[in-house]
Amino acid sequence: MTAVATPTVQAEPYPVTEQEDNNFHFVTEHGNEYQITFSKYWQQDIVDLYLGFRVPVYEFYFEVMAKNHSGMDKRIAPTLFDIFDKFLLRTGSVIFYITQRDDGRSKELFKVYQLWYNLYKRSRGDELVKLDRAVYYGDTAEAYLACMFLRGTVKDKRIPLLVNTILEEIYPNATVSSL
């Protein structure tokens, strides 16, 4: 008897409103409110100078604005990745997110984003490229970072160099390694 693979059905994303340039807002069915913000990387000009090519770089922030209910919500990941897709198509940029928490849960949060990304890949393929890095001071990982871009919008093969250059600027004297 041959096992039949069951296709993964992705939950519908929540409706999203773009409040102002690069700020997106959505409310879950349980009344939780989230804001996604893309901010231009503050060292953009230096990165352009170092690398000799221009690609817009944005930092991604995911904020909980109101929390009325705890627990897993299968619609958050597709909502987040729909926003990523639309923003990346519109800007032709790369986006970074850094998980660095004072409570020691940086790796745990990074794993949640990785789980969400894996769900995206299963339902949509490898259109969204994700490069992962860890930042170490000594033997301790201080932060985890991912750089994402759409395969068809950013064609420069030096994006891994871009990631490392930005991390060296943000975290001087640290060791950066691929995950």
C-alpha atoms as a PDB file:
ATOM      1  CA  MET A   1       0.000   0.000   0.000  1.00  0.00           C
ATOM      2  CA  THR A   2       1.422   3.385  -1.016  1.00  0.00           C
ATOM      3  CA  ALA A   3       1.011   6.407   1.239  1.00  0.00           C
ATOM      4  CA  VAL A   4      -0.559   9.427  -0.412  1.00  0.00           C
ATOM      5  CA  ALA A   5       0.856  12.825   0.480  1.00  0.00           C
ATOM      6  CA  THR A   6      -1.745  15.233   1.775  1.00  0.00           C
ATOM      7  CA  PRO A   7      -1.293  18.755   0.430  1.00  0.00           C
ATOM      8  CA  THR A   8      -0.739  21.451   3.020  1.00  0.00           C
ATOM      9  CA  VAL A   9      -3.621  23.898   3.152  1.00  0.00           C
ATOM     10  CA  GLN A  10      -2.580  27.311   4.331  1.00  0.00           C
ATOM     11  CA  ALA A  11      -4.945  29.384   6.436  1.00  0.00           C
ATOM     12  CA  GLU A  12      -6.358  32.563   4.945  1.00  0.00           C
ATOM     13  CA  PRO A  13      -4.466  35.713   5.877  1.00  0.00           C
ATOM     14  CA  TYR A  14      -6.164  38.442   7.871  1.00  0.00           C
ATOM     15  CA  PRO A  15      -7.226  41.650   6.107  1.00  0.00           C
ATOM     16  CA  VAL A  16      -4.408  44.183   6.377  1.00  0.00           C
ATOM     17  CA  THR A  17      -4.465  47.965   6.229  1.00  0.00           C
ATOM     18  CA  GLU A  18      -1.446  50.045   5.303  1.00  0.00           C
ATOM     19  CA  GLN A  19      -1.642  52.925   7.754  1.00  0.00           C
ATOM     20  CA  GLU A  20       1.198  55.060   6.408  1.00  0.00           C
ATOM     21  CA  ASP A  21       4.262  54.351   4.320  1.00  0.00           C
ATOM     22  CA  ASN A  22       5.647  50.962   5.256  1.00  0.00           C
ATOM     23  CA  ASN A  23       3.370  50.419   8.293  1.00  0.00           C
ATOM     24  CA  PHE A  24       0.834  47.614   8.147  1.00  0.00           C
ATOM     25  CA  HIS A  25      -1.837  46.762  10.705  1.00  0.00           C
ATOM     26  CA  PHE A  26      -4.151  43.817  11.246  1.00  0.00           C
ATOM     27  CA  VAL A  27      -6.539  42.538  13.896  1.00  0.00           C
ATOM     28  CA  THR A  28      -7.100  38.830  14.544  1.00  0.00           C
ATOM     29  CA  GLU A  29     -10.431  37.145  15.088  1.00  0.00           C
ATOM     30  CA  HIS A  30      -9.620  37.152  18.831  1.00  0.00           C
ATOM     31  CA  GLY A  31      -9.042  40.910  18.883  1.00  0.00           C
ATOM     32  CA  ASN A  32      -5.239  40.821  19.000  1.00  0.00           C
ATOM     33  CA  GLU A  33      -3.732  43.748  17.099  1.00  0.00           C
ATOM     34  CA  TYR A  34      -0.397  43.683  15.299  1.00  0.00           C
ATOM     35  CA  GLN A  35       1.683  46.247  13.474  1.00  0.00           C
ATOM     36  CA  ILE A  36       4.386  45.458  10.943  1.00  0.00           C
ATOM     37  CA  THR A  37       6.851  48.235  10.144  1.00  0.00           C
ATOM     38  CA  PHE A  38       9.610  48.344   7.553  1.00  0.00           C
ATOM     39  CA  SER A  39      12.221  51.000   8.358  1.00  0.00           C
ATOM     40  CA  LYS A  40      14.997  51.987   5.984  1.00  0.00           C
ATOM     41  CA  TYR A  41      18.312  50.715   7.287  1.00  0.00           C
ATOM     42  CA  TRP A  42      20.010  53.657   8.952  1.00  0.00           C
ATOM     43  CA  GLN A  43      23.444  52.846   7.438  1.00  0.00           C
ATOM     44  CA  GLN A  44      22.165  52.398   3.861  1.00  0.00           C
ATOM     45  CA  ASP A  45      24.672  54.815   2.314  1.00  0.00           C
ATOM     46  CA  ILE A  46      27.655  53.176   4.007  1.00  0.00           C
ATOM     47  CA  VAL A  47      26.586  49.720   2.840  1.00  0.00           C
ATOM     48  CA  ASP A  48      26.210  51.008  -0.732  1.00  0.00           C
ATOM     49  CA  LEU A  49      29.702  52.495  -0.525  1.00  0.00           C
ATOM     50  CA  TYR A  50      31.292  49.315   0.906  1.00  0.00           C
ATOM     51  CA  LEU A  51      29.696  46.952  -1.573  1.00  0.00           C
ATOM     52  CA  GLY A  52      29.623  49.068  -4.714  1.00  0.00           C
ATOM     53  CA  PHE A  53      26.015  48.247  -5.553  1.00  0.00           C
ATOM     54  CA  ARG A  54      22.679  49.629  -4.473  1.00  0.00           C
ATOM     55  CA  VAL A  55      19.818  47.617  -3.111  1.00  0.00           C
ATOM     56  CA  PRO A  56      17.315  49.127  -0.662  1.00  0.00           C
ATOM     57  CA  VAL A  57      17.605  47.566   2.800  1.00  0.00           C
ATOM     58  CA  TYR A  58      14.813  47.662   5.359  1.00  0.00           C
ATOM     59  CA  GLU A  59      14.587  46.424   8.920  1.00  0.00           C
ATOM     60  CA  PHE A  60      11.389  44.597   9.838  1.00  0.00           C
ATOM     61  CA  TYR A  61       9.580  45.081  13.151  1.00  0.00           C
ATOM     62  CA  PHE A  62       6.609  43.019  14.305  1.00  0.00           C
ATOM     63  CA  GLU A  63       4.793  44.569  17.262  1.00  0.00           C
ATOM     64  CA  VAL A  64       1.920  43.385  19.389  1.00  0.00           C
ATOM     65  CA  MET A  65      -0.309  46.428  19.836  1.00  0.00           C
ATOM     66  CA  ALA A  66      -3.059  44.693  21.861  1.00  0.00           C
ATOM     67  CA  LYS A  67      -3.160  41.140  23.201  1.00  0.00           C
ATOM     68  CA  ASN A  68      -6.564  39.787  24.201  1.00  0.00           C
ATOM     69  CA  HIS A  69      -5.957  36.116  23.594  1.00  0.00           C
ATOM     70  CA  SER A  70      -2.927  33.828  23.851  1.00  0.00           C
ATOM     71  CA  GLY A  71      -2.305  30.713  21.849  1.00  0.00           C
ATOM     72  CA  MET A  72      -1.503  29.581  18.355  1.00  0.00           C
ATOM     73  CA  ASP A  73      -3.142  31.459  15.502  1.00  0.00           C
ATOM     74  CA  LYS A  74      -2.602  29.794  12.119  1.00  0.00           C
ATOM     75  CA  ARG A  75      -3.551  32.953  10.218  1.00  0.00           C
ATOM     76  CA  ILE A  76      -0.695  35.138  11.510  1.00  0.00           C
ATOM     77  CA  ALA A  77       2.056  33.482   9.436  1.00  0.00           C
ATOM     78  CA  PRO A  78       0.243  33.756   6.075  1.00  0.00           C
ATOM     79  CA  THR A  79      -0.681  37.359   6.915  1.00  0.00           C
ATOM     80  CA  LEU A  80       2.912  38.218   7.690  1.00  0.00           C
ATOM     81  CA  PHE A  81       4.263  36.587   4.537  1.00  0.00           C
ATOM     82  CA  ASP A  82       1.613  38.222   2.341  1.00  0.00           C
ATOM     83  CA  ILE A  83       2.843  41.555   3.682  1.00  0.00           C
ATOM     84  CA  PHE A  84       6.463  40.529   2.971  1.00  0.00           C
ATOM     85  CA  ASP A  85       5.607  39.539  -0.597  1.00  0.00           C
ATOM     86  CA  LYS A  86       3.732  42.774  -1.342  1.00  0.00           C
ATOM     87  CA  PHE A  87       6.380  44.976   0.235  1.00  0.00           C
ATOM     88  CA  LEU A  88       9.298  43.223  -1.475  1.00  0.00           C
ATOM     89  CA  LEU A  89       7.583  43.309  -4.870  1.00  0.00           C
ATOM     90  CA  ARG A  90       6.838  47.004  -4.478  1.00  0.00           C
ATOM     91  CA  THR A  91      10.307  48.045  -3.273  1.00  0.00           C
ATOM     92  CA  GLY A  92      12.724  45.536  -4.854  1.00  0.00           C
ATOM     93  CA  SER A  93      14.485  45.511  -1.496  1.00  0.00           C
ATOM     94  CA  VAL A  94      15.867  43.112   1.042  1.00  0.00           C
ATOM     95  CA  ILE A  95      14.465  42.984   4.557  1.00  0.00           C
ATOM     96  CA  PHE A  96      16.193  42.052   7.782  1.00  0.00           C
ATOM     97  CA  TYR A  97      14.782  40.923  11.032  1.00  0.00           C
ATOM     98  CA  ILE A  98      16.818  40.452  14.140  1.00  0.00           C
ATOM     99  CA  THR A  99      15.745  38.492  17.172  1.00  0.00           C
ATOM    100  CA  GLN A 100      17.679  39.795  20.133  1.00  0.00           C
ATOM    101  CA  ARG A 101      15.931  39.596  23.460  1.00  0.00           C
ATOM    102  CA  ASP A 102      17.071  40.439  26.950  1.00  0.00           C
ATOM    103  CA  ASP A 103      15.165  37.469  28.384  1.00  0.00           C
ATOM    104  CA  GLY A 104      17.368  34.924  26.575  1.00  0.00           C
ATOM    105  CA  ARG A 105      14.611  33.809  24.199  1.00  0.00           C
ATOM    106  CA  SER A 106      16.218  35.075  20.974  1.00  0.00           C
ATOM    107  CA  LYS A 107      16.716  31.595  19.537  1.00  0.00           C
ATOM    108  CA  GLU A 108      13.187  30.531  20.477  1.00  0.00           C
ATOM    109  CA  LEU A 109      11.685  33.520  18.667  1.00  0.00           C
ATOM    110  CA  PHE A 110      13.909  32.888  15.656  1.00  0.00           C
ATOM    111  CA  LYS A 111      12.630  29.289  15.541  1.00  0.00           C
ATOM    112  CA  VAL A 112       9.030  30.570  15.402  1.00  0.00           C
ATOM    113  CA  TYR A 113       9.905  32.708  12.365  1.00  0.00           C
ATOM    114  CA  GLN A 114      11.657  29.697  10.823  1.00  0.00           C
ATOM    115  CA  LEU A 115       8.558  27.554  11.338  1.00  0.00           C
ATOM    116  CA  TRP A 116       6.445  30.223   9.663  1.00  0.00           C
ATOM    117  CA  TYR A 117       8.909  30.476   6.775  1.00  0.00           C
ATOM    118  CA  ASN A 118       8.802  26.683   6.299  1.00  0.00           C
ATOM    119  CA  LEU A 119       4.998  26.870   6.049  1.00  0.00           C
ATOM    120  CA  TYR A 120       5.387  29.599   3.425  1.00  0.00           C
ATOM    121  CA  LYS A 121       7.817  27.476   1.400  1.00  0.00           C
ATOM    122  CA  ARG A 122       5.507  24.457   1.488  1.00  0.00           C
ATOM    123  CA  SER A 123       2.589  26.428   0.132  1.00  0.00           C
ATOM    124  CA  ARG A 124       4.336  28.900  -2.200  1.00  0.00           C
ATOM    125  CA  GLY A 125       7.709  27.420  -3.142  1.00  0.00           C
ATOM    126  CA  ASP A 126      11.114  29.021  -2.949  1.00  0.00           C
ATOM    127  CA  GLU A 127      10.284  32.457  -4.351  1.00  0.00           C
ATOM    128  CA  LEU A 128      11.205  34.082  -1.026  1.00  0.00           C
ATOM    129  CA  VAL A 129      14.899  33.587  -0.271  1.00  0.00           C
ATOM    130  CA  LYS A 130      15.975  33.595   3.384  1.00  0.00           C
ATOM    131  CA  LEU A 131      19.581  33.812   4.580  1.00  0.00           C
ATOM    132  CA  ASP A 132      20.101  33.081   8.290  1.00  0.00           C
ATOM    133  CA  ARG A 133      22.929  34.232  10.540  1.00  0.00           C
ATOM    134  CA  ALA A 134      23.865  34.081  14.206  1.00  0.00           C
ATOM    135  CA  VAL A 135      25.933  36.709  15.992  1.00  0.00           C
ATOM    136  CA  TYR A 136      28.293  35.460  18.705  1.00  0.00           C
ATOM    137  CA  TYR A 137      30.353  37.174  21.353  1.00  0.00           C
ATOM    138  CA  GLY A 138      32.622  34.393  22.568  1.00  0.00           C
ATOM    139  CA  ASP A 139      30.580  31.209  22.829  1.00  0.00           C
ATOM    140  CA  THR A 140      27.267  32.975  23.399  1.00  0.00           C
ATOM    141  CA  ALA A 141      24.812  33.734  20.616  1.00  0.00           C
ATOM    142  CA  GLU A 142      23.616  37.285  21.147  1.00  0.00           C
ATOM    143  CA  ALA A 143      21.249  37.577  18.224  1.00  0.00           C
ATOM    144  CA  TYR A 144      19.800  35.735  15.257  1.00  0.00           C
ATOM    145  CA  LEU A 145      19.180  37.459  11.967  1.00  0.00           C
ATOM    146  CA  ALA A 146      17.480  36.641   8.699  1.00  0.00           C
ATOM    147  CA  CYS A 147      17.667  38.512   5.427  1.00  0.00           C
ATOM    148  CA  MET A 148      14.835  37.920   2.977  1.00  0.00           C
ATOM    149  CA  PHE A 149      14.237  38.941  -0.605  1.00  0.00           C
ATOM    150  CA  LEU A 150      12.211  37.771  -3.574  1.00  0.00           C
ATOM    151  CA  ARG A 151      14.208  35.740  -6.043  1.00  0.00           C
ATOM    152  CA  GLY A 152      13.012  37.719  -9.064  1.00  0.00           C
ATOM    153  CA  THR A 153      13.500  41.220  -7.645  1.00  0.00           C
ATOM    154  CA  VAL A 154      17.041  41.130  -6.237  1.00  0.00           C
ATOM    155  CA  LYS A 155      19.436  39.476  -8.638  1.00  0.00           C
ATOM    156  CA  ASP A 156      22.804  40.446  -7.184  1.00  0.00           C
ATOM    157  CA  LYS A 157      24.799  37.435  -6.013  1.00  0.00           C
ATOM    158  CA  ARG A 158      26.548  39.595  -3.409  1.00  0.00           C
ATOM    159  CA  ILE A 159      23.562  39.603  -1.032  1.00  0.00           C
ATOM    160  CA  PRO A 160      25.352  37.222   1.417  1.00  0.00           C
ATOM    161  CA  LEU A 161      28.203  39.765   1.505  1.00  0.00           C
ATOM    162  CA  LEU A 162      25.629  42.494   2.138  1.00  0.00           C
ATOM    163  CA  VAL A 163      24.235  40.530   5.096  1.00  0.00           C
ATOM    164  CA  ASN A 164      27.668  40.022   6.635  1.00  0.00           C
ATOM    165  CA  THR A 165      28.692  43.651   6.074  1.00  0.00           C
ATOM    166  CA  ILE A 166      25.574  44.961   7.781  1.00  0.00           C
ATOM    167  CA  LEU A 167      26.044  42.621  10.730  1.00  0.00           C
ATOM    168  CA  GLU A 168      29.676  43.676  11.114  1.00  0.00           C
ATOM    169  CA  GLU A 169      28.482  47.297  11.293  1.00  0.00           C
ATOM    170  CA  ILE A 170      25.754  46.537  13.835  1.00  0.00           C
ATOM    171  CA  TYR A 171      27.851  44.134  15.941  1.00  0.00           C
ATOM    172  CA  PRO A 172      31.520  45.166  15.859  1.00  0.00           C
ATOM    173  CA  ASN A 173      33.942  42.612  17.344  1.00  0.00           C
ATOM    174  CA  ALA A 174      31.394  39.813  17.061  1.00  0.00           C
ATOM    175  CA  THR A 175      31.603  36.607  15.068  1.00  0.00           C
ATOM    176  CA  VAL A 176      28.930  36.142  12.415  1.00  0.00           C
ATOM    177  CA  SER A 177      28.121  32.658  11.171  1.00  0.00           C
ATOM    178  CA  SER A 178      25.599  31.082   8.832  1.00  0.00           C
ATOM    179  CA  LEU A 179      22.927  28.845  10.299  1.00  0.00           C
END
